[in-house]
């Protein structure tokens, strides 16, 4: 365990940020799963609606640094390819 006052504060900050970011990471998984299930079911219109929402969420999370920006781009790209192949 840390002994310095600044290190103790840093630990508190990290715990708080980790809790906040956990929700965002879970949200990314949720929207990804919605797009995937709609695309696999063959509902192209609904999949496009879910894809638009997923792109917005993933880009926001990537912009905040919770997800690496290239990882966010990769997720958006793979979901777009999945929806386009479903047609």
C-alpha atoms as a PDB file:
ATOM      1  CA  UNK A   1       0.000   0.000   0.000  1.00  0.00           C
ATOM      2  CA  UNK A   2       1.176   3.511  -0.774  1.00  0.00           C
ATOM      3  CA  UNK A   3       2.347   5.781   2.017  1.00  0.00           C
ATOM      4  CA  UNK A   4       2.526   9.164   0.310  1.00  0.00           C
ATOM      5  CA  UNK A   5      -0.474  11.448   0.486  1.00  0.00           C
ATOM      6  CA  UNK A   6      -0.405  12.049  -3.276  1.00  0.00           C
ATOM      7  CA  UNK A   7      -0.221   8.315  -3.998  1.00  0.00           C
ATOM      8  CA  UNK A   8      -3.234   7.654  -1.761  1.00  0.00           C
ATOM      9  CA  UNK A   9      -5.178  10.354  -3.603  1.00  0.00           C
ATOM     10  CA  UNK A  10      -4.159   8.856  -6.941  1.00  0.00           C
ATOM     11  CA  UNK A  11      -5.490   5.457  -5.823  1.00  0.00           C
ATOM     12  CA  UNK A  12      -8.832   7.036  -4.880  1.00  0.00           C
ATOM     13  CA  UNK A  13      -9.025   8.767  -8.253  1.00  0.00           C
ATOM     14  CA  UNK A  14      -8.214   5.565 -10.129  1.00  0.00           C
ATOM     15  CA  UNK A  15     -10.944   3.645  -8.319  1.00  0.00           C
ATOM     16  CA  UNK A  16     -13.498   6.345  -9.140  1.00  0.00           C
ATOM     17  CA  UNK A  17     -12.484   6.504 -12.803  1.00  0.00           C
ATOM     18  CA  UNK A  18     -12.467   2.723 -13.104  1.00  0.00           C
ATOM     19  CA  UNK A  19     -16.069   2.552 -11.869  1.00  0.00           C
ATOM     20  CA  UNK A  20     -17.136   5.278 -14.308  1.00  0.00           C
ATOM     21  CA  UNK A  21     -15.354   3.671 -17.263  1.00  0.00           C
ATOM     22  CA  UNK A  22     -16.751   0.223 -16.484  1.00  0.00           C
ATOM     23  CA  UNK A  23     -20.224   1.480 -17.363  1.00  0.00           C
ATOM     24  CA  UNK A  24     -19.031   2.828 -20.698  1.00  0.00           C
ATOM     25  CA  UNK A  25     -17.269  -0.420 -21.585  1.00  0.00           C
ATOM     26  CA  UNK A  26     -20.427  -2.358 -20.735  1.00  0.00           C
ATOM     27  CA  UNK A  27     -22.469  -0.005 -22.918  1.00  0.00           C
ATOM     28  CA  UNK A  28     -20.144  -0.658 -25.857  1.00  0.00           C
ATOM     29  CA  UNK A  29     -20.630  -4.408 -25.440  1.00  0.00           C
ATOM     30  CA  UNK A  30     -24.415  -3.982 -25.252  1.00  0.00           C
ATOM     31  CA  UNK A  31     -24.766  -1.904 -28.413  1.00  0.00           C
ATOM     32  CA  UNK A  32     -22.363  -4.222 -30.257  1.00  0.00           C
ATOM     33  CA  UNK A  33     -24.461  -7.228 -29.304  1.00  0.00           C
ATOM     34  CA  UNK A  34     -27.675  -5.507 -30.466  1.00  0.00           C
ATOM     35  CA  UNK A  35     -26.178  -4.781 -33.890  1.00  0.00           C
ATOM     36  CA  UNK A  36     -24.824  -8.323 -34.172  1.00  0.00           C
ATOM     37  CA  UNK A  37     -28.124 -10.009 -33.285  1.00  0.00           C
ATOM     38  CA  UNK A  38     -30.118  -7.836 -35.712  1.00  0.00           C
ATOM     39  CA  UNK A  39     -27.623  -8.427 -38.535  1.00  0.00           C
ATOM     40  CA  UNK A  40     -27.571 -12.177 -37.976  1.00  0.00           C
ATOM     41  CA  UNK A  41     -31.367 -12.276 -37.878  1.00  0.00           C
ATOM     42  CA  UNK A  42     -31.457 -10.589 -41.279  1.00  0.00           C
ATOM     43  CA  UNK A  43     -33.270  -7.412 -40.178  1.00  0.00           C
ATOM     44  CA  UNK A  44     -31.228  -4.963 -42.241  1.00  0.00           C
ATOM     45  CA  UNK A  45     -33.338  -1.874 -41.456  1.00  0.00           C
ATOM     46  CA  UNK A  46     -33.252  -2.482 -37.712  1.00  0.00           C
ATOM     47  CA  UNK A  47     -29.562  -3.375 -37.896  1.00  0.00           C
ATOM     48  CA  UNK A  48     -28.837  -0.034 -39.587  1.00  0.00           C
ATOM     49  CA  UNK A  49     -30.695   1.818 -36.826  1.00  0.00           C
ATOM     50  CA  UNK A  50     -28.740  -0.048 -34.152  1.00  0.00           C
ATOM     51  CA  UNK A  51     -25.492   0.503 -36.085  1.00  0.00           C
ATOM     52  CA  UNK A  52     -26.030   4.253 -36.140  1.00  0.00           C
ATOM     53  CA  UNK A  53     -26.527   4.274 -32.360  1.00  0.00           C
ATOM     54  CA  UNK A  54     -23.543   1.984 -31.834  1.00  0.00           C
ATOM     55  CA  UNK A  55     -21.279   4.194 -33.962  1.00  0.00           C
ATOM     56  CA  UNK A  56     -22.194   7.205 -31.863  1.00  0.00           C
ATOM     57  CA  UNK A  57     -21.579   5.413 -28.558  1.00  0.00           C
ATOM     58  CA  UNK A  58     -18.303   3.796 -29.641  1.00  0.00           C
ATOM     59  CA  UNK A  59     -16.941   7.036 -31.108  1.00  0.00           C
ATOM     60  CA  UNK A  60     -17.795   8.877 -27.895  1.00  0.00           C
ATOM     61  CA  UNK A  61     -16.080   6.256 -25.745  1.00  0.00           C
ATOM     62  CA  UNK A  62     -13.056   6.301 -28.071  1.00  0.00           C
ATOM     63  CA  UNK A  63     -12.885  10.076 -27.887  1.00  0.00           C
ATOM     64  CA  UNK A  64     -12.868  10.019 -24.098  1.00  0.00           C
ATOM     65  CA  UNK A  65      -9.922   7.634 -24.085  1.00  0.00           C
ATOM     66  CA  UNK A  66     -11.805   4.846 -22.348  1.00  0.00           C
ATOM     67  CA  UNK A  67     -11.281   2.756 -25.460  1.00  0.00           C
ATOM     68  CA  UNK A  68      -8.243   3.376 -27.658  1.00  0.00           C
ATOM     69  CA  UNK A  69      -9.193   5.441 -30.697  1.00  0.00           C
ATOM     70  CA  UNK A  70      -7.956   2.802 -33.144  1.00  0.00           C
ATOM     71  CA  UNK A  71      -9.795   0.060 -31.270  1.00  0.00           C
ATOM     72  CA  UNK A  72     -12.972   2.159 -31.490  1.00  0.00           C
ATOM     73  CA  UNK A  73     -12.472   2.609 -35.240  1.00  0.00           C
ATOM     74  CA  UNK A  74     -11.872  -1.111 -35.630  1.00  0.00           C
ATOM     75  CA  UNK A  75     -15.095  -1.959 -33.783  1.00  0.00           C
ATOM     76  CA  UNK A  76     -17.138   0.483 -35.881  1.00  0.00           C
ATOM     77  CA  UNK A  77     -15.586  -0.855 -39.086  1.00  0.00           C
ATOM     78  CA  UNK A  78     -16.261  -4.492 -38.242  1.00  0.00           C
ATOM     79  CA  UNK A  79     -19.867  -3.769 -37.290  1.00  0.00           C
ATOM     80  CA  UNK A  80     -20.408  -1.837 -40.524  1.00  0.00           C
ATOM     81  CA  UNK A  81     -18.981  -4.711 -42.565  1.00  0.00           C
ATOM     82  CA  UNK A  82     -21.225  -7.158 -40.687  1.00  0.00           C
ATOM     83  CA  UNK A  83     -24.361  -5.129 -41.432  1.00  0.00           C
ATOM     84  CA  UNK A  84     -23.411  -4.638 -45.089  1.00  0.00           C
ATOM     85  CA  UNK A  85     -22.822  -8.380 -45.544  1.00  0.00           C
ATOM     86  CA  UNK A  86     -26.189  -9.170 -43.971  1.00  0.00           C
ATOM     87  CA  UNK A  87     -28.108  -7.682 -46.909  1.00  0.00           C
END
